[in-house]
């Protein structure tokens, strides 16, 4: 295996085989234009889409893609993580789509832990939940 092939395989493994879709649908493009703070999402078609208007670096967008890949996996597995959400985490998601959706909030927390995003404000219990899910 060449170094390029190996690198591509490592990325595919880290992203559970989900791919990044480059072409956005018109509604997705409109959403991203008006929500520059949303760097990416797990699209309804089972692919990852990244915000072309985001100010994040390529490396940061790579972490977003990894985050969204785990979200897609959890969606496909119908995984409902069971752990306590801290008051700091509840505050972090206030005013977002996750505020009134505890399952999605817990999935987002795990995806942020997986991608190395410190905004997850992860507890040891949450890290253990992610580890158990990935086994």
N, C-alpha and C. Protein backbone atom coordinates (compact mmCIF):
# COMPACT_ATOMS: atom_id res chain seq x y z
N UNK A 1 0.85 -1.18 0.00
CA UNK A 1 0.00 0.00 0.00
C UNK A 1 0.90 1.24 0.00
N UNK A 2 0.60 2.16 -0.88
CA UNK A 2 1.39 3.39 -0.94
C UNK A 2 1.04 4.29 0.25
N UNK A 3 1.90 5.25 0.58
CA UNK A 3 1.58 6.17 1.67
C UNK A 3 0.25 6.91 1.44
N UNK A 4 -0.02 7.27 0.19
CA UNK A 4 -1.27 7.97 -0.11
C UNK A 4 -2.48 7.05 0.11
N UNK A 5 -2.36 5.80 -0.30
CA UNK A 5 -3.44 4.83 -0.10
C UNK A 5 -3.66 4.58 1.39
N UNK A 6 -2.56 4.47 2.14
CA UNK A 6 -2.66 4.25 3.58
C UNK A 6 -3.33 5.45 4.25
N UNK A 7 -2.95 6.65 3.87
CA UNK A 7 -3.54 7.86 4.45
C UNK A 7 -5.04 7.91 4.16
N UNK A 8 -5.41 7.57 2.93
CA UNK A 8 -6.82 7.58 2.55
C UNK A 8 -7.61 6.55 3.36
N UNK A 9 -7.01 5.37 3.57
CA UNK A 9 -7.66 4.33 4.37
C UNK A 9 -7.84 4.78 5.81
N UNK A 10 -6.83 5.43 6.37
CA UNK A 10 -6.94 5.92 7.76
C UNK A 10 -8.06 6.92 7.90
N UNK A 11 -8.19 7.82 6.93
CA UNK A 11 -9.28 8.80 6.96
C UNK A 11 -10.62 8.10 6.86
N UNK A 12 -10.74 7.14 5.94
CA UNK A 12 -12.00 6.41 5.76
C UNK A 12 -12.37 5.66 7.04
N UNK A 13 -11.38 5.05 7.69
CA UNK A 13 -11.64 4.34 8.94
C UNK A 13 -12.12 5.31 10.02
N UNK A 14 -11.46 6.43 10.14
CA UNK A 14 -11.81 7.43 11.16
C UNK A 14 -13.21 7.98 10.91
N UNK A 15 -13.62 7.97 9.65
CA UNK A 15 -14.93 8.52 9.30
C UNK A 15 -15.96 7.41 9.05
N UNK A 16 -15.65 6.18 9.48
CA UNK A 16 -16.57 5.05 9.42
C UNK A 16 -17.09 4.80 8.00
N UNK A 17 -16.32 5.22 7.00
CA UNK A 17 -16.71 5.00 5.61
C UNK A 17 -17.64 6.06 5.04
N UNK A 18 -18.07 7.03 5.85
CA UNK A 18 -18.94 8.10 5.34
C UNK A 18 -18.10 9.07 4.51
N UNK A 19 -18.72 9.62 3.49
CA UNK A 19 -18.00 10.51 2.59
C UNK A 19 -18.48 11.95 2.72
N UNK A 20 -17.61 12.84 2.31
CA UNK A 20 -17.95 14.26 2.26
C UNK A 20 -18.54 14.54 0.88
N UNK A 21 -19.74 15.09 0.87
CA UNK A 21 -20.36 15.48 -0.39
C UNK A 21 -19.98 16.93 -0.66
N UNK A 22 -19.32 17.16 -1.80
CA UNK A 22 -18.84 18.50 -2.15
C UNK A 22 -19.96 19.41 -2.63
N UNK A 23 -20.88 18.85 -3.41
CA UNK A 23 -21.95 19.67 -4.01
C UNK A 23 -23.10 19.79 -3.02
N UNK A 24 -23.44 21.04 -2.72
CA UNK A 24 -24.54 21.31 -1.80
C UNK A 24 -25.84 21.45 -2.57
N UNK A 25 -26.93 21.03 -1.93
CA UNK A 25 -28.25 21.30 -2.48
C UNK A 25 -28.56 22.78 -2.21
N UNK A 26 -29.42 23.39 -3.02
CA UNK A 26 -29.68 24.83 -2.85
C UNK A 26 -30.08 25.24 -1.43
N UNK A 27 -30.93 24.46 -0.77
CA UNK A 27 -31.35 24.81 0.61
C UNK A 27 -30.18 24.71 1.58
N UNK A 28 -29.29 23.73 1.36
CA UNK A 28 -28.11 23.60 2.22
C UNK A 28 -27.19 24.80 2.03
N UNK A 29 -26.99 25.20 0.77
CA UNK A 29 -26.14 26.34 0.48
C UNK A 29 -26.71 27.61 1.13
N UNK A 30 -28.01 27.81 1.01
CA UNK A 30 -28.66 28.98 1.63
C UNK A 30 -28.48 28.95 3.14
N UNK A 31 -28.66 27.79 3.74
CA UNK A 31 -28.51 27.65 5.19
C UNK A 31 -27.09 28.02 5.61
N UNK A 32 -26.11 27.46 4.92
CA UNK A 32 -24.71 27.75 5.27
C UNK A 32 -24.36 29.22 5.06
N UNK A 33 -24.91 29.84 4.04
CA UNK A 33 -24.64 31.26 3.80
C UNK A 33 -25.10 32.11 4.98
N UNK A 34 -26.21 31.74 5.56
CA UNK A 34 -26.78 32.53 6.66
C UNK A 34 -26.37 32.03 8.04
N UNK A 35 -25.64 30.92 8.09
CA UNK A 35 -25.18 30.35 9.36
C UNK A 35 -23.69 29.99 9.26
N UNK A 36 -22.86 31.01 9.09
CA UNK A 36 -21.42 30.76 8.94
C UNK A 36 -20.82 30.05 10.14
N UNK A 37 -21.48 30.15 11.29
CA UNK A 37 -20.97 29.51 12.51
C UNK A 37 -21.19 28.00 12.50
N UNK A 38 -22.05 27.49 11.61
CA UNK A 38 -22.28 26.05 11.48
C UNK A 38 -21.27 25.54 10.45
N UNK A 39 -20.28 24.80 10.92
CA UNK A 39 -19.18 24.40 10.04
C UNK A 39 -19.51 23.20 9.16
N UNK A 40 -20.46 22.39 9.57
CA UNK A 40 -20.81 21.23 8.79
C UNK A 40 -21.99 20.51 9.39
N UNK A 41 -22.45 19.49 8.69
CA UNK A 41 -23.55 18.70 9.25
C UNK A 41 -23.60 17.32 8.62
N UNK A 42 -24.29 16.45 9.36
CA UNK A 42 -24.59 15.12 8.87
C UNK A 42 -25.86 15.25 8.04
N UNK A 43 -25.71 15.23 6.74
CA UNK A 43 -26.84 15.49 5.84
C UNK A 43 -27.84 14.34 5.85
N UNK A 44 -29.05 14.65 5.41
CA UNK A 44 -30.13 13.66 5.39
C UNK A 44 -29.84 12.49 4.44
N UNK A 45 -28.97 12.71 3.46
CA UNK A 45 -28.65 11.64 2.51
C UNK A 45 -27.54 10.72 2.99
N UNK A 46 -27.14 10.89 4.27
CA UNK A 46 -26.12 10.01 4.84
C UNK A 46 -24.70 10.40 4.48
N UNK A 47 -24.51 11.62 4.03
CA UNK A 47 -23.17 12.11 3.73
C UNK A 47 -22.87 13.32 4.60
N UNK A 48 -21.61 13.68 4.62
CA UNK A 48 -21.15 14.82 5.40
C UNK A 48 -21.08 16.02 4.45
N UNK A 49 -21.59 17.14 4.92
CA UNK A 49 -21.43 18.37 4.14
C UNK A 49 -20.73 19.40 5.02
N UNK A 50 -19.85 20.16 4.41
CA UNK A 50 -19.09 21.19 5.12
C UNK A 50 -19.47 22.56 4.57
N UNK A 51 -19.44 23.54 5.44
CA UNK A 51 -19.83 24.89 5.08
C UNK A 51 -18.72 25.58 4.30
N UNK A 52 -18.94 25.87 3.02
CA UNK A 52 -17.90 26.52 2.23
C UNK A 52 -17.68 27.98 2.64
N UNK A 53 -18.56 28.52 3.45
CA UNK A 53 -18.44 29.91 3.92
C UNK A 53 -17.80 29.99 5.30
N UNK A 54 -17.47 28.85 5.87
CA UNK A 54 -16.85 28.81 7.19
C UNK A 54 -15.46 29.42 7.14
N UNK A 55 -15.06 30.04 8.22
CA UNK A 55 -13.74 30.65 8.34
C UNK A 55 -12.73 29.68 8.97
N UNK A 56 -13.14 28.44 9.21
CA UNK A 56 -12.24 27.46 9.82
C UNK A 56 -11.15 27.03 8.84
N UNK A 57 -10.03 26.60 9.40
CA UNK A 57 -8.93 26.09 8.58
C UNK A 57 -9.30 24.71 8.02
N UNK A 58 -8.53 24.22 7.07
CA UNK A 58 -8.77 22.89 6.52
C UNK A 58 -8.65 21.83 7.61
N UNK A 59 -7.70 22.00 8.52
CA UNK A 59 -7.53 21.05 9.61
C UNK A 59 -8.76 21.05 10.51
N UNK A 60 -9.27 22.23 10.83
CA UNK A 60 -10.46 22.33 11.67
C UNK A 60 -11.68 21.73 10.96
N UNK A 61 -11.80 21.98 9.66
CA UNK A 61 -12.90 21.39 8.91
C UNK A 61 -12.78 19.87 8.85
N UNK A 62 -11.55 19.37 8.86
CA UNK A 62 -11.34 17.92 8.92
C UNK A 62 -11.88 17.35 10.22
N UNK A 63 -11.67 18.05 11.32
CA UNK A 63 -12.21 17.61 12.61
C UNK A 63 -13.73 17.66 12.59
N UNK A 64 -14.29 18.67 11.94
CA UNK A 64 -15.75 18.76 11.80
C UNK A 64 -16.28 17.55 11.03
N UNK A 65 -15.59 17.17 9.96
CA UNK A 65 -16.01 16.01 9.17
C UNK A 65 -16.00 14.74 10.01
N UNK A 66 -14.99 14.56 10.84
CA UNK A 66 -14.90 13.40 11.72
C UNK A 66 -16.07 13.42 12.71
N UNK A 67 -16.35 14.59 13.26
CA UNK A 67 -17.47 14.77 14.17
C UNK A 67 -18.78 14.33 13.49
N UNK A 68 -19.01 14.83 12.29
CA UNK A 68 -20.25 14.53 11.58
C UNK A 68 -20.33 13.05 11.17
N UNK A 69 -19.19 12.43 10.91
CA UNK A 69 -19.18 11.00 10.58
C UNK A 69 -19.70 10.19 11.76
N UNK A 70 -19.26 10.53 12.96
CA UNK A 70 -19.74 9.79 14.13
C UNK A 70 -21.24 10.06 14.34
N UNK A 71 -21.67 11.26 14.06
CA UNK A 71 -23.11 11.58 14.18
C UNK A 71 -23.91 10.70 13.21
N UNK A 72 -23.41 10.54 11.98
CA UNK A 72 -24.09 9.67 11.01
C UNK A 72 -24.12 8.23 11.49
N UNK A 73 -23.02 7.76 12.04
CA UNK A 73 -22.96 6.39 12.56
C UNK A 73 -23.98 6.20 13.68
N UNK A 74 -24.03 7.16 14.60
CA UNK A 74 -24.99 7.04 15.70
C UNK A 74 -26.42 7.08 15.16
N UNK A 75 -26.66 7.91 14.15
CA UNK A 75 -28.00 7.97 13.53
C UNK A 75 -28.35 6.62 12.91
N UNK A 76 -27.43 6.08 12.13
CA UNK A 76 -27.68 4.79 11.47
C UNK A 76 -27.86 3.66 12.48
N UNK A 77 -27.14 3.72 13.59
CA UNK A 77 -27.24 2.70 14.64
C UNK A 77 -28.43 2.94 15.57
N UNK A 78 -29.12 4.08 15.40
CA UNK A 78 -30.19 4.50 16.31
C UNK A 78 -29.70 4.45 17.76
N UNK A 79 -28.48 4.94 17.94
CA UNK A 79 -27.83 4.91 19.25
C UNK A 79 -28.31 6.09 20.10
N UNK A 80 -28.80 5.77 21.28
CA UNK A 80 -29.28 6.77 22.23
C UNK A 80 -28.38 6.72 23.47
N UNK A 81 -27.33 7.53 23.50
CA UNK A 81 -26.40 7.48 24.63
C UNK A 81 -27.13 7.84 25.94
N UNK A 82 -26.75 7.15 26.98
CA UNK A 82 -27.37 7.38 28.28
C UNK A 82 -26.31 7.84 29.28
N UNK A 83 -26.25 9.14 29.49
CA UNK A 83 -25.37 9.70 30.51
C UNK A 83 -25.92 11.06 30.91
N UNK A 84 -25.46 11.54 32.04
CA UNK A 84 -25.87 12.85 32.53
C UNK A 84 -25.25 13.95 31.69
N UNK A 85 -26.04 14.95 31.40
CA UNK A 85 -25.55 16.16 30.73
C UNK A 85 -25.32 17.19 31.83
N UNK A 86 -24.16 17.82 31.83
CA UNK A 86 -23.85 18.79 32.90
C UNK A 86 -24.58 20.11 32.65
N UNK A 87 -24.68 20.91 33.70
CA UNK A 87 -25.34 22.22 33.57
C UNK A 87 -24.55 23.12 32.61
N UNK A 88 -23.22 22.99 32.60
CA UNK A 88 -22.41 23.77 31.65
C UNK A 88 -22.72 23.37 30.21
N UNK A 89 -22.93 22.08 29.98
CA UNK A 89 -23.26 21.61 28.63
C UNK A 89 -24.67 22.09 28.23
N UNK A 90 -25.60 22.04 29.17
CA UNK A 90 -26.94 22.54 28.88
C UNK A 90 -26.86 24.01 28.48
N UNK A 91 -26.07 24.79 29.21
CA UNK A 91 -25.89 26.22 28.89
C UNK A 91 -25.26 26.41 27.51
N UNK A 92 -24.29 25.57 27.18
CA UNK A 92 -23.59 25.65 25.89
C UNK A 92 -24.57 25.49 24.72
N UNK A 93 -25.55 24.63 24.88
CA UNK A 93 -26.48 24.33 23.79
C UNK A 93 -27.78 25.13 23.86
N UNK A 94 -27.86 26.04 24.81
CA UNK A 94 -29.06 26.88 24.91
C UNK A 94 -29.22 27.71 23.63
N UNK A 95 -30.43 27.72 23.10
CA UNK A 95 -30.70 28.47 21.89
C UNK A 95 -30.33 27.75 20.60
N UNK A 96 -29.90 26.49 20.70
CA UNK A 96 -29.56 25.70 19.50
C UNK A 96 -30.64 24.65 19.26
N UNK A 97 -30.52 23.96 18.15
CA UNK A 97 -31.47 22.88 17.83
C UNK A 97 -31.39 21.74 18.85
N UNK A 98 -30.31 21.67 19.60
CA UNK A 98 -30.13 20.58 20.57
C UNK A 98 -30.78 20.88 21.91
N UNK A 99 -31.13 22.13 22.15
CA UNK A 99 -31.63 22.54 23.46
C UNK A 99 -32.80 21.68 23.94
N UNK A 100 -33.72 21.35 23.07
CA UNK A 100 -34.90 20.59 23.46
C UNK A 100 -34.86 19.14 22.94
N UNK A 101 -33.66 18.68 22.59
CA UNK A 101 -33.50 17.32 22.07
C UNK A 101 -32.32 16.66 22.78
N UNK A 102 -32.58 16.09 23.97
CA UNK A 102 -31.48 15.52 24.77
C UNK A 102 -30.70 14.40 24.06
N UNK A 103 -31.38 13.58 23.26
CA UNK A 103 -30.68 12.52 22.53
C UNK A 103 -29.66 13.13 21.57
N UNK A 104 -30.09 14.11 20.79
CA UNK A 104 -29.18 14.77 19.84
C UNK A 104 -28.07 15.50 20.59
N UNK A 105 -28.38 16.08 21.74
CA UNK A 105 -27.36 16.77 22.53
C UNK A 105 -26.30 15.77 23.01
N UNK A 106 -26.75 14.63 23.51
CA UNK A 106 -25.78 13.61 23.97
C UNK A 106 -24.95 13.09 22.80
N UNK A 107 -25.59 12.88 21.64
CA UNK A 107 -24.84 12.43 20.46
C UNK A 107 -23.81 13.49 20.05
N UNK A 108 -24.20 14.73 20.10
CA UNK A 108 -23.28 15.82 19.74
C UNK A 108 -22.10 15.89 20.69
N UNK A 109 -22.38 15.69 21.97
CA UNK A 109 -21.29 15.69 22.95
C UNK A 109 -20.31 14.57 22.63
N UNK A 110 -20.82 13.37 22.35
CA UNK A 110 -19.92 12.25 22.02
C UNK A 110 -19.14 12.52 20.74
N UNK A 111 -19.80 13.09 19.74
CA UNK A 111 -19.12 13.38 18.48
C UNK A 111 -18.02 14.42 18.69
N UNK A 112 -18.27 15.39 19.55
CA UNK A 112 -17.24 16.39 19.84
C UNK A 112 -16.07 15.78 20.59
N UNK A 113 -16.35 14.88 21.50
CA UNK A 113 -15.26 14.18 22.20
C UNK A 113 -14.42 13.41 21.17
N UNK A 114 -15.11 12.68 20.29
CA UNK A 114 -14.43 11.86 19.28
C UNK A 114 -13.53 12.69 18.38
N UNK A 115 -13.99 13.87 18.01
CA UNK A 115 -13.20 14.70 17.08
C UNK A 115 -12.18 15.58 17.80
N UNK A 116 -12.14 15.50 19.13
CA UNK A 116 -11.15 16.27 19.89
C UNK A 116 -11.56 17.71 20.15
N UNK A 117 -12.84 18.00 20.05
CA UNK A 117 -13.34 19.35 20.26
C UNK A 117 -13.50 19.61 21.76
N UNK A 118 -12.71 20.54 22.31
CA UNK A 118 -12.78 20.81 23.74
C UNK A 118 -14.11 21.41 24.19
N UNK A 119 -14.90 21.93 23.25
CA UNK A 119 -16.19 22.50 23.63
C UNK A 119 -17.17 21.43 24.10
N UNK A 120 -16.82 20.17 23.98
CA UNK A 120 -17.68 19.09 24.49
C UNK A 120 -17.81 19.20 26.01
N UNK A 121 -16.80 19.76 26.66
CA UNK A 121 -16.78 19.85 28.13
C UNK A 121 -17.01 18.46 28.73
N UNK A 122 -16.29 17.49 28.20
CA UNK A 122 -16.52 16.08 28.50
C UNK A 122 -16.23 15.71 29.94
N UNK A 123 -17.09 14.85 30.47
CA UNK A 123 -16.88 14.26 31.79
C UNK A 123 -16.27 12.88 31.59
N UNK A 124 -15.66 12.31 32.63
CA UNK A 124 -15.13 10.94 32.51
C UNK A 124 -16.23 9.94 32.12
N UNK A 125 -17.43 10.10 32.63
CA UNK A 125 -18.54 9.20 32.29
C UNK A 125 -18.87 9.28 30.80
N UNK A 126 -18.83 10.47 30.24
CA UNK A 126 -19.13 10.65 28.82
C UNK A 126 -18.02 10.04 27.96
N UNK A 127 -16.77 10.22 28.37
CA UNK A 127 -15.66 9.61 27.63
C UNK A 127 -15.77 8.10 27.64
N UNK A 128 -16.18 7.55 28.78
CA UNK A 128 -16.36 6.10 28.90
C UNK A 128 -17.52 5.63 28.01
N UNK A 129 -18.59 6.40 27.94
CA UNK A 129 -19.73 6.06 27.07
C UNK A 129 -19.29 5.98 25.62
N UNK A 130 -18.45 6.92 25.20
CA UNK A 130 -17.94 6.91 23.82
C UNK A 130 -17.06 5.68 23.59
N UNK A 131 -16.18 5.41 24.53
CA UNK A 131 -15.28 4.26 24.41
C UNK A 131 -16.10 2.96 24.30
N UNK A 132 -17.12 2.82 25.13
CA UNK A 132 -17.94 1.61 25.09
C UNK A 132 -18.71 1.50 23.77
N UNK A 133 -19.20 2.61 23.27
CA UNK A 133 -19.92 2.60 22.00
C UNK A 133 -19.02 2.17 20.84
N UNK A 134 -17.79 2.63 20.85
CA UNK A 134 -16.86 2.35 19.74
C UNK A 134 -16.23 0.96 19.81
N UNK A 135 -16.44 0.23 20.88
CA UNK A 135 -15.85 -1.12 21.00
C UNK A 135 -16.55 -2.11 20.11
